[in-house]
Amino acid sequence: MHHFFKSFLQTMLGSFRRISRATKNEMSVEDLHSESWIMADAISKRRGFDIDFSDLDDASLIMRSINVEHVKRGH
């Protein structure tokens, strides 16, 4: 799992940077990396099965959830 998470972080680096800028850098890229792990856990618990970090749909779900939480809602 660690390998897939690390790959996910690298693949989504541009999105993490965009979200960080959208938060006016209140959330750093590193903060968002941690947040993605927390968000993945929350999503996994809600739907009853683990996030697959190598799956593009799951990766997109995590990034959309982070965007909603930190950009749209402003938390």
PDB file of N, CA and C in Angstrom:
ATOM      1  N   MET A   1       0.835  -1.190   0.000  1.00  0.00           N
ATOM      2  CA  MET A   1       0.000   0.000   0.000  1.00  0.00           C
ATOM      3  C   MET A   1       0.876   1.248   0.000  1.00  0.00           C
ATOM      4  N   HIS A   2       1.967   1.239   0.755  1.00  0.00           N
ATOM      5  CA  HIS A   2       2.826   2.419   0.839  1.00  0.00           C
ATOM      6  C   HIS A   2       3.342   2.824  -0.531  1.00  0.00           C
ATOM      7  N   HIS A   3       3.735   1.859  -1.351  1.00  0.00           N
ATOM      8  CA  HIS A   3       4.226   2.147  -2.703  1.00  0.00           C
ATOM      9  C   HIS A   3       3.143   2.846  -3.531  1.00  0.00           C
ATOM     10  N   PHE A   4       1.917   2.359  -3.447  1.00  0.00           N
ATOM     11  CA  PHE A   4       0.820   2.951  -4.219  1.00  0.00           C
ATOM     12  C   PHE A   4       0.492   4.361  -3.728  1.00  0.00           C
ATOM     13  N   PHE A   5       0.558   4.578  -2.418  1.00  0.00           N
ATOM     14  CA  PHE A   5       0.310   5.910  -1.867  1.00  0.00           C
ATOM     15  C   PHE A   5       1.385   6.880  -2.332  1.00  0.00           C
ATOM     16  N   LYS A   6       2.627   6.456  -2.281  1.00  0.00           N
ATOM     17  CA  LYS A   6       3.735   7.294  -2.725  1.00  0.00           C
ATOM     18  C   LYS A   6       3.592   7.654  -4.210  1.00  0.00           C
ATOM     19  N   SER A   7       3.195   6.698  -5.000  1.00  0.00           N
ATOM     20  CA  SER A   7       2.964   6.935  -6.425  1.00  0.00           C
ATOM     21  C   SER A   7       1.800   7.903  -6.638  1.00  0.00           C
ATOM     22  N   PHE A   8       0.736   7.745  -5.862  1.00  0.00           N
ATOM     23  CA  PHE A   8      -0.412   8.643  -5.900  1.00  0.00           C
ATOM     24  C   PHE A   8       0.027  10.077  -5.607  1.00  0.00           C
ATOM     25  N   LEU A   9       0.844  10.255  -4.563  1.00  0.00           N
ATOM     26  CA  LEU A   9       1.310  11.602  -4.203  1.00  0.00           C
ATOM     27  C   LEU A   9       2.081  12.236  -5.356  1.00  0.00           C
ATOM     28  N   GLN A  10       2.923  11.466  -5.989  1.00  0.00           N
ATOM     29  CA  GLN A  10       3.716  11.979  -7.106  1.00  0.00           C
ATOM     30  C   GLN A  10       2.825  12.309  -8.302  1.00  0.00           C
ATOM     31  N   THR A  11       1.889  11.426  -8.611  1.00  0.00           N
ATOM     32  CA  THR A  11       0.992  11.631  -9.747  1.00  0.00           C
ATOM     33  C   THR A  11       0.122  12.864  -9.549  1.00  0.00           C
ATOM     34  N   MET A  12      -0.320  13.105  -8.347  1.00  0.00           N
ATOM     35  CA  MET A  12      -1.238  14.199  -8.052  1.00  0.00           C
ATOM     36  C   MET A  12      -0.536  15.485  -7.609  1.00  0.00           C
ATOM     37  N   LEU A  13       0.772  15.552  -7.743  1.00  0.00           N
ATOM     38  CA  LEU A  13       1.532  16.700  -7.264  1.00  0.00           C
ATOM     39  C   LEU A  13       1.007  18.018  -7.831  1.00  0.00           C
ATOM     40  N   GLY A  14       0.706  18.065  -9.107  1.00  0.00           N
ATOM     41  CA  GLY A  14       0.163  19.287  -9.706  1.00  0.00           C
ATOM     42  C   GLY A  14      -1.163  19.692  -9.079  1.00  0.00           C
ATOM     43  N   SER A  15      -2.003  18.730  -8.800  1.00  0.00           N
ATOM     44  CA  SER A  15      -3.295  19.015  -8.160  1.00  0.00           C
ATOM     45  C   SER A  15      -3.100  19.504  -6.728  1.00  0.00           C
ATOM     46  N   PHE A  16      -2.148  18.888  -6.018  1.00  0.00           N
ATOM     47  CA  PHE A  16      -1.859  19.354  -4.658  1.00  0.00           C
ATOM     48  C   PHE A  16      -1.376  20.803  -4.681  1.00  0.00           C
ATOM     49  N   ARG A  17      -0.532  21.129  -5.642  1.00  0.00           N
ATOM     50  CA  ARG A  17      -0.030  22.506  -5.745  1.00  0.00           C
ATOM     51  C   ARG A  17      -1.168  23.481  -6.054  1.00  0.00           C
ATOM     52  N   ARG A  18      -2.056  23.088  -6.953  1.00  0.00           N
ATOM     53  CA  ARG A  18      -3.185  23.945  -7.317  1.00  0.00           C
ATOM     54  C   ARG A  18      -4.090  24.181  -6.107  1.00  0.00           C
ATOM     55  N   ILE A  19      -4.387  23.132  -5.366  1.00  0.00           N
ATOM     56  CA  ILE A  19      -5.237  23.266  -4.185  1.00  0.00           C
ATOM     57  C   ILE A  19      -4.536  24.129  -3.133  1.00  0.00           C
ATOM     58  N   SER A  20      -3.243  23.944  -2.951  1.00  0.00           N
ATOM     59  CA  SER A  20      -2.503  24.756  -1.997  1.00  0.00           C
ATOM     60  C   SER A  20      -2.592  26.234  -2.361  1.00  0.00           C
ATOM     61  N   ARG A  21      -2.419  26.547  -3.624  1.00  0.00           N
ATOM     62  CA  ARG A  21      -2.549  27.948  -4.065  1.00  0.00           C
ATOM     63  C   ARG A  21      -3.965  28.462  -3.837  1.00  0.00           C
ATOM     64  N   ALA A  22      -4.955  27.611  -4.080  1.00  0.00           N
ATOM     65  CA  ALA A  22      -6.350  28.017  -3.907  1.00  0.00           C
ATOM     66  C   ALA A  22      -6.680  28.304  -2.441  1.00  0.00           C
ATOM     67  N   THR A  23      -5.931  27.700  -1.529  1.00  0.00           N
ATOM     68  CA  THR A  23      -6.135  27.984  -0.102  1.00  0.00           C
ATOM     69  C   THR A  23      -5.284  29.175   0.343  1.00  0.00           C
ATOM     70  N   LYS A  24      -4.695  29.865  -0.629  1.00  0.00           N
ATOM     71  CA  LYS A  24      -3.780  30.985  -0.352  1.00  0.00           C
ATOM     72  C   LYS A  24      -2.622  30.513   0.521  1.00  0.00           C
ATOM     73  N   ASN A  25      -2.183  29.284   0.238  1.00  0.00           N
ATOM     74  CA  ASN A  25      -1.052  28.634   0.912  1.00  0.00           C
ATOM     75  C   ASN A  25      -1.266  28.424   2.410  1.00  0.00           C
ATOM     76  N   GLU A  26      -2.535  28.462   2.849  1.00  0.00           N
ATOM     77  CA  GLU A  26      -2.817  28.095   4.239  1.00  0.00           C
ATOM     78  C   GLU A  26      -2.577  26.602   4.449  1.00  0.00           C
ATOM     79  N   MET A  27      -2.766  25.834   3.390  1.00  0.00           N
ATOM     80  CA  MET A  27      -2.459  24.404   3.407  1.00  0.00           C
ATOM     81  C   MET A  27      -1.277  24.197   2.465  1.00  0.00           C
ATOM     82  N   SER A  28      -0.182  23.685   2.987  1.00  0.00           N
ATOM     83  CA  SER A  28       0.981  23.407   2.144  1.00  0.00           C
ATOM     84  C   SER A  28       0.742  22.099   1.376  1.00  0.00           C
ATOM     85  N   VAL A  29       1.576  21.863   0.405  1.00  0.00           N
ATOM     86  CA  VAL A  29       1.493  20.597  -0.330  1.00  0.00           C
ATOM     87  C   VAL A  29       1.674  19.438   0.644  1.00  0.00           C
ATOM     88  N   GLU A  30       2.592  19.578   1.573  1.00  0.00           N
ATOM     89  CA  GLU A  30       2.833  18.516   2.560  1.00  0.00           C
ATOM     90  C   GLU A  30       1.616  18.316   3.467  1.00  0.00           C
ATOM     91  N   ASP A  31       0.967  19.414   3.845  1.00  0.00           N
ATOM     92  CA  ASP A  31      -0.268  19.301   4.633  1.00  0.00           C
ATOM     93  C   ASP A  31      -1.315  18.513   3.852  1.00  0.00           C
ATOM     94  N   LEU A  32      -1.414  18.804   2.571  1.00  0.00           N
ATOM     95  CA  LEU A  32      -2.406  18.133   1.729  1.00  0.00           C
ATOM     96  C   LEU A  32      -2.067  16.664   1.519  1.00  0.00           C
ATOM     97  N   HIS A  33      -0.782  16.320   1.523  1.00  0.00           N
ATOM     98  CA  HIS A  33      -0.395  14.906   1.463  1.00  0.00           C
ATOM     99  C   HIS A  33      -0.976  14.175   2.668  1.00  0.00           C
ATOM    100  N   SER A  34      -0.778  14.750   3.843  1.00  0.00           N
ATOM    101  CA  SER A  34      -1.324  14.136   5.064  1.00  0.00           C
ATOM    102  C   SER A  34      -2.841  14.088   5.010  1.00  0.00           C
ATOM    103  N   GLU A  35      -3.433  15.169   4.546  1.00  0.00           N
ATOM    104  CA  GLU A  35      -4.884  15.240   4.447  1.00  0.00           C
ATOM    105  C   GLU A  35      -5.432  14.174   3.506  1.00  0.00           C
ATOM    106  N   SER A  36      -4.689  13.864   2.447  1.00  0.00           N
ATOM    107  CA  SER A  36      -5.161  12.853   1.498  1.00  0.00           C
ATOM    108  C   SER A  36      -5.242  11.473   2.155  1.00  0.00           C
ATOM    109  N   TRP A  37      -4.309  11.168   3.045  1.00  0.00           N
ATOM    110  CA  TRP A  37      -4.347   9.895   3.766  1.00  0.00           C
ATOM    111  C   TRP A  37      -5.566   9.854   4.688  1.00  0.00           C
ATOM    112  N   ILE A  38      -5.804  10.950   5.386  1.00  0.00           N
ATOM    113  CA  ILE A  38      -6.959  11.045   6.294  1.00  0.00           C
ATOM    114  C   ILE A  38      -8.260  10.945   5.503  1.00  0.00           C
ATOM    115  N   MET A  39      -8.325  11.647   4.373  1.00  0.00           N
ATOM    116  CA  MET A  39      -9.518  11.624   3.527  1.00  0.00           C
ATOM    117  C   MET A  39      -9.755  10.219   2.969  1.00  0.00           C
ATOM    118  N   ALA A  40      -8.691   9.555   2.557  1.00  0.00           N
ATOM    119  CA  ALA A  40      -8.820   8.189   2.029  1.00  0.00           C
ATOM    120  C   ALA A  40      -9.383   7.254   3.088  1.00  0.00           C
ATOM    121  N   ASP A  41      -8.935   7.410   4.320  1.00  0.00           N
ATOM    122  CA  ASP A  41      -9.444   6.581   5.413  1.00  0.00           C
ATOM    123  C   ASP A  41     -10.932   6.847   5.643  1.00  0.00           C
ATOM    124  N   ALA A  42     -11.318   8.123   5.642  1.00  0.00           N
ATOM    125  CA  ALA A  42     -12.733   8.479   5.851  1.00  0.00           C
ATOM    126  C   ALA A  42     -13.612   7.922   4.730  1.00  0.00           C
ATOM    127  N   ILE A  43     -13.145   8.044   3.505  1.00  0.00           N
ATOM    128  CA  ILE A  43     -13.909   7.521   2.360  1.00  0.00           C
ATOM    129  C   ILE A  43     -14.028   6.005   2.468  1.00  0.00           C
ATOM    130  N   SER A  44     -12.929   5.344   2.811  1.00  0.00           N
ATOM    131  CA  SER A  44     -12.935   3.882   2.947  1.00  0.00           C
ATOM    132  C   SER A  44     -13.947   3.424   3.986  1.00  0.00           C
ATOM    133  N   LYS A  45     -13.993   4.117   5.102  1.00  0.00           N
ATOM    134  CA  LYS A  45     -14.935   3.747   6.168  1.00  0.00           C
ATOM    135  C   LYS A  45     -16.378   3.965   5.724  1.00  0.00           C
ATOM    136  N   ARG A  46     -16.629   5.069   5.003  1.00  0.00           N
ATOM    137  CA  ARG A  46     -17.998   5.355   4.535  1.00  0.00           C
ATOM    138  C   ARG A  46     -18.484   4.304   3.541  1.00  0.00           C
ATOM    139  N   ARG A  47     -17.635   3.915   2.628  1.00  0.00           N
ATOM    140  CA  ARG A  47     -18.095   3.004   1.582  1.00  0.00           C
ATOM    141  C   ARG A  47     -17.879   1.530   1.910  1.00  0.00           C
ATOM    142  N   GLY A  48     -17.121   1.252   2.965  1.00  0.00           N
ATOM    143  CA  GLY A  48     -16.980  -0.129   3.427  1.00  0.00           C
ATOM    144  C   GLY A  48     -15.864  -0.927   2.780  1.00  0.00           C
ATOM    145  N   PHE A  49     -15.009  -0.294   1.991  1.00  0.00           N
ATOM    146  CA  PHE A  49     -13.840  -0.969   1.434  1.00  0.00           C
ATOM    147  C   PHE A  49     -12.750   0.061   1.163  1.00  0.00           C
ATOM    148  N   ASP A  50     -11.516  -0.441   1.127  1.00  0.00           N
ATOM    149  CA  ASP A  50     -10.349   0.435   1.055  1.00  0.00           C
ATOM    150  C   ASP A  50     -10.238   1.195  -0.262  1.00  0.00           C
ATOM    151  N   ILE A  51      -9.640   2.351  -0.155  1.00  0.00           N
ATOM    152  CA  ILE A  51      -9.250   3.144  -1.329  1.00  0.00           C
ATOM    153  C   ILE A  51      -8.126   2.398  -2.038  1.00  0.00           C
ATOM    154  N   ASP A  52      -8.169   2.398  -3.343  1.00  0.00           N
ATOM    155  CA  ASP A  52      -7.084   1.846  -4.157  1.00  0.00           C
ATOM    156  C   ASP A  52      -6.336   3.032  -4.757  1.00  0.00           C
ATOM    157  N   PHE A  53      -5.186   3.362  -4.175  1.00  0.00           N
ATOM    158  CA  PHE A  53      -4.437   4.531  -4.618  1.00  0.00           C
ATOM    159  C   PHE A  53      -3.951   4.412  -6.056  1.00  0.00           C
ATOM    160  N   SER A  54      -3.914   3.209  -6.601  1.00  0.00           N
ATOM    161  CA  SER A  54      -3.481   3.038  -7.991  1.00  0.00           C
ATOM    162  C   SER A  54      -4.646   3.190  -8.975  1.00  0.00           C
ATOM    163  N   ASP A  55      -5.859   3.308  -8.469  1.00  0.00           N
ATOM    164  CA  ASP A  55      -7.044   3.452  -9.302  1.00  0.00           C
ATOM    165  C   ASP A  55      -7.335   4.939  -9.538  1.00  0.00           C
ATOM    166  N   LEU A  56      -7.429   5.342 -10.800  1.00  0.00           N
ATOM    167  CA  LEU A  56      -7.635   6.746 -11.141  1.00  0.00           C
ATOM    168  C   LEU A  56      -8.943   7.290 -10.580  1.00  0.00           C
ATOM    169  N   ASP A  57      -9.993   6.498 -10.581  1.00  0.00           N
ATOM    170  CA  ASP A  57     -11.274   6.952 -10.026  1.00  0.00           C
ATOM    171  C   ASP A  57     -11.163   7.232  -8.527  1.00  0.00           C
ATOM    172  N   ASP A  58     -10.499   6.351  -7.798  1.00  0.00           N
ATOM    173  CA  ASP A  58     -10.309   6.565  -6.366  1.00  0.00           C
ATOM    174  C   ASP A  58      -9.419   7.779  -6.111  1.00  0.00           C
ATOM    175  N   ALA A  59      -8.364   7.928  -6.897  1.00  0.00           N
ATOM    176  CA  ALA A  59      -7.476   9.085  -6.755  1.00  0.00           C
ATOM    177  C   ALA A  59      -8.244  10.379  -6.998  1.00  0.00           C
ATOM    178  N   SER A  60      -9.070  10.384  -8.019  1.00  0.00           N
ATOM    179  CA  SER A  60      -9.879  11.568  -8.321  1.00  0.00           C
ATOM    180  C   SER A  60     -10.878  11.857  -7.208  1.00  0.00           C
ATOM    181  N   LEU A  61     -11.449  10.822  -6.635  1.00  0.00           N
ATOM    182  CA  LEU A  61     -12.386  10.984  -5.525  1.00  0.00           C
ATOM    183  C   LEU A  61     -11.706  11.655  -4.329  1.00  0.00           C
ATOM    184  N   ILE A  62     -10.508  11.220  -4.018  1.00  0.00           N
ATOM    185  CA  ILE A  62      -9.759  11.824  -2.915  1.00  0.00           C
ATOM    186  C   ILE A  62      -9.489  13.303  -3.199  1.00  0.00           C
ATOM    187  N   MET A  63      -9.015  13.595  -4.402  1.00  0.00           N
ATOM    188  CA  MET A  63      -8.665  14.975  -4.740  1.00  0.00           C
ATOM    189  C   MET A  63      -9.905  15.874  -4.761  1.00  0.00           C
ATOM    190  N   ARG A  64     -11.007  15.376  -5.264  1.00  0.00           N
ATOM    191  CA  ARG A  64     -12.251  16.170  -5.241  1.00  0.00           C
ATOM    192  C   ARG A  64     -12.689  16.438  -3.807  1.00  0.00           C
ATOM    193  N   SER A  65     -12.581  15.433  -2.961  1.00  0.00           N
ATOM    194  CA  SER A  65     -12.983  15.582  -1.556  1.00  0.00           C
ATOM    195  C   SER A  65     -12.104  16.602  -0.840  1.00  0.00           C
ATOM    196  N   ILE A  66     -10.807  16.576  -1.095  1.00  0.00           N
ATOM    197  CA  ILE A  66      -9.897  17.555  -0.496  1.00  0.00           C
ATOM    198  C   ILE A  66     -10.231  18.953  -1.004  1.00  0.00           C
ATOM    199  N   ASN A  67     -10.499  19.060  -2.291  1.00  0.00           N
ATOM    200  CA  ASN A  67     -10.841  20.356  -2.869  1.00  0.00           C
ATOM    201  C   ASN A  67     -12.109  20.918  -2.231  1.00  0.00           C
ATOM    202  N   VAL A  68     -13.126  20.095  -2.089  1.00  0.00           N
ATOM    203  CA  VAL A  68     -14.381  20.548  -1.475  1.00  0.00           C
ATOM    204  C   VAL A  68     -14.127  20.972  -0.029  1.00  0.00           C
ATOM    205  N   GLU A  69     -13.384  20.182   0.704  1.00  0.00           N
ATOM    206  CA  GLU A  69     -13.146  20.458   2.122  1.00  0.00           C
ATOM    207  C   GLU A  69     -12.328  21.735   2.339  1.00  0.00           C
ATOM    208  N   HIS A  70     -11.304  21.936   1.551  1.00  0.00           N
ATOM    209  CA  HIS A  70     -10.361  23.018   1.842  1.00  0.00           C
ATOM    210  C   HIS A  70     -10.482  24.236   0.939  1.00  0.00           C
ATOM    211  N   VAL A  71     -11.102  24.105  -0.201  1.00  0.00           N
ATOM    212  CA  VAL A  71     -11.244  25.251  -1.094  1.00  0.00           C
ATOM    213  C   VAL A  71     -12.665  25.755  -1.101  1.00  0.00           C
ATOM    214  N   LYS A  72     -13.603  24.886  -1.402  1.00  0.00           N
ATOM    215  CA  LYS A  72     -14.992  25.303  -1.500  1.00  0.00           C
ATOM    216  C   LYS A  72     -15.587  25.675  -0.147  1.00  0.00           C
ATOM    217  N   ARG A  73     -15.284  24.889   0.880  1.00  0.00           N
ATOM    218  CA  ARG A  73     -15.797  25.167   2.226  1.00  0.00           C
ATOM    219  C   ARG A  73     -14.869  26.074   3.014  1.00  0.00           C
ATOM    220  N   GLY A  74     -13.616  26.097   2.618  1.00  0.00           N
ATOM    221  CA  GLY A  74     -12.649  26.965   3.274  1.00  0.00           C
ATOM    222  C   GLY A  74     -12.168  26.540   4.634  1.00  0.00           C
ATOM    223  N   HIS A  75     -12.102  25.230   4.885  1.00  0.00           N
ATOM    224  CA  HIS A  75     -11.622  24.724   6.197  1.00  0.00           C
ATOM    225  C   HIS A  75     -10.159  24.455   6.129  1.00  0.00           C
TER     226      HIS A  75
END
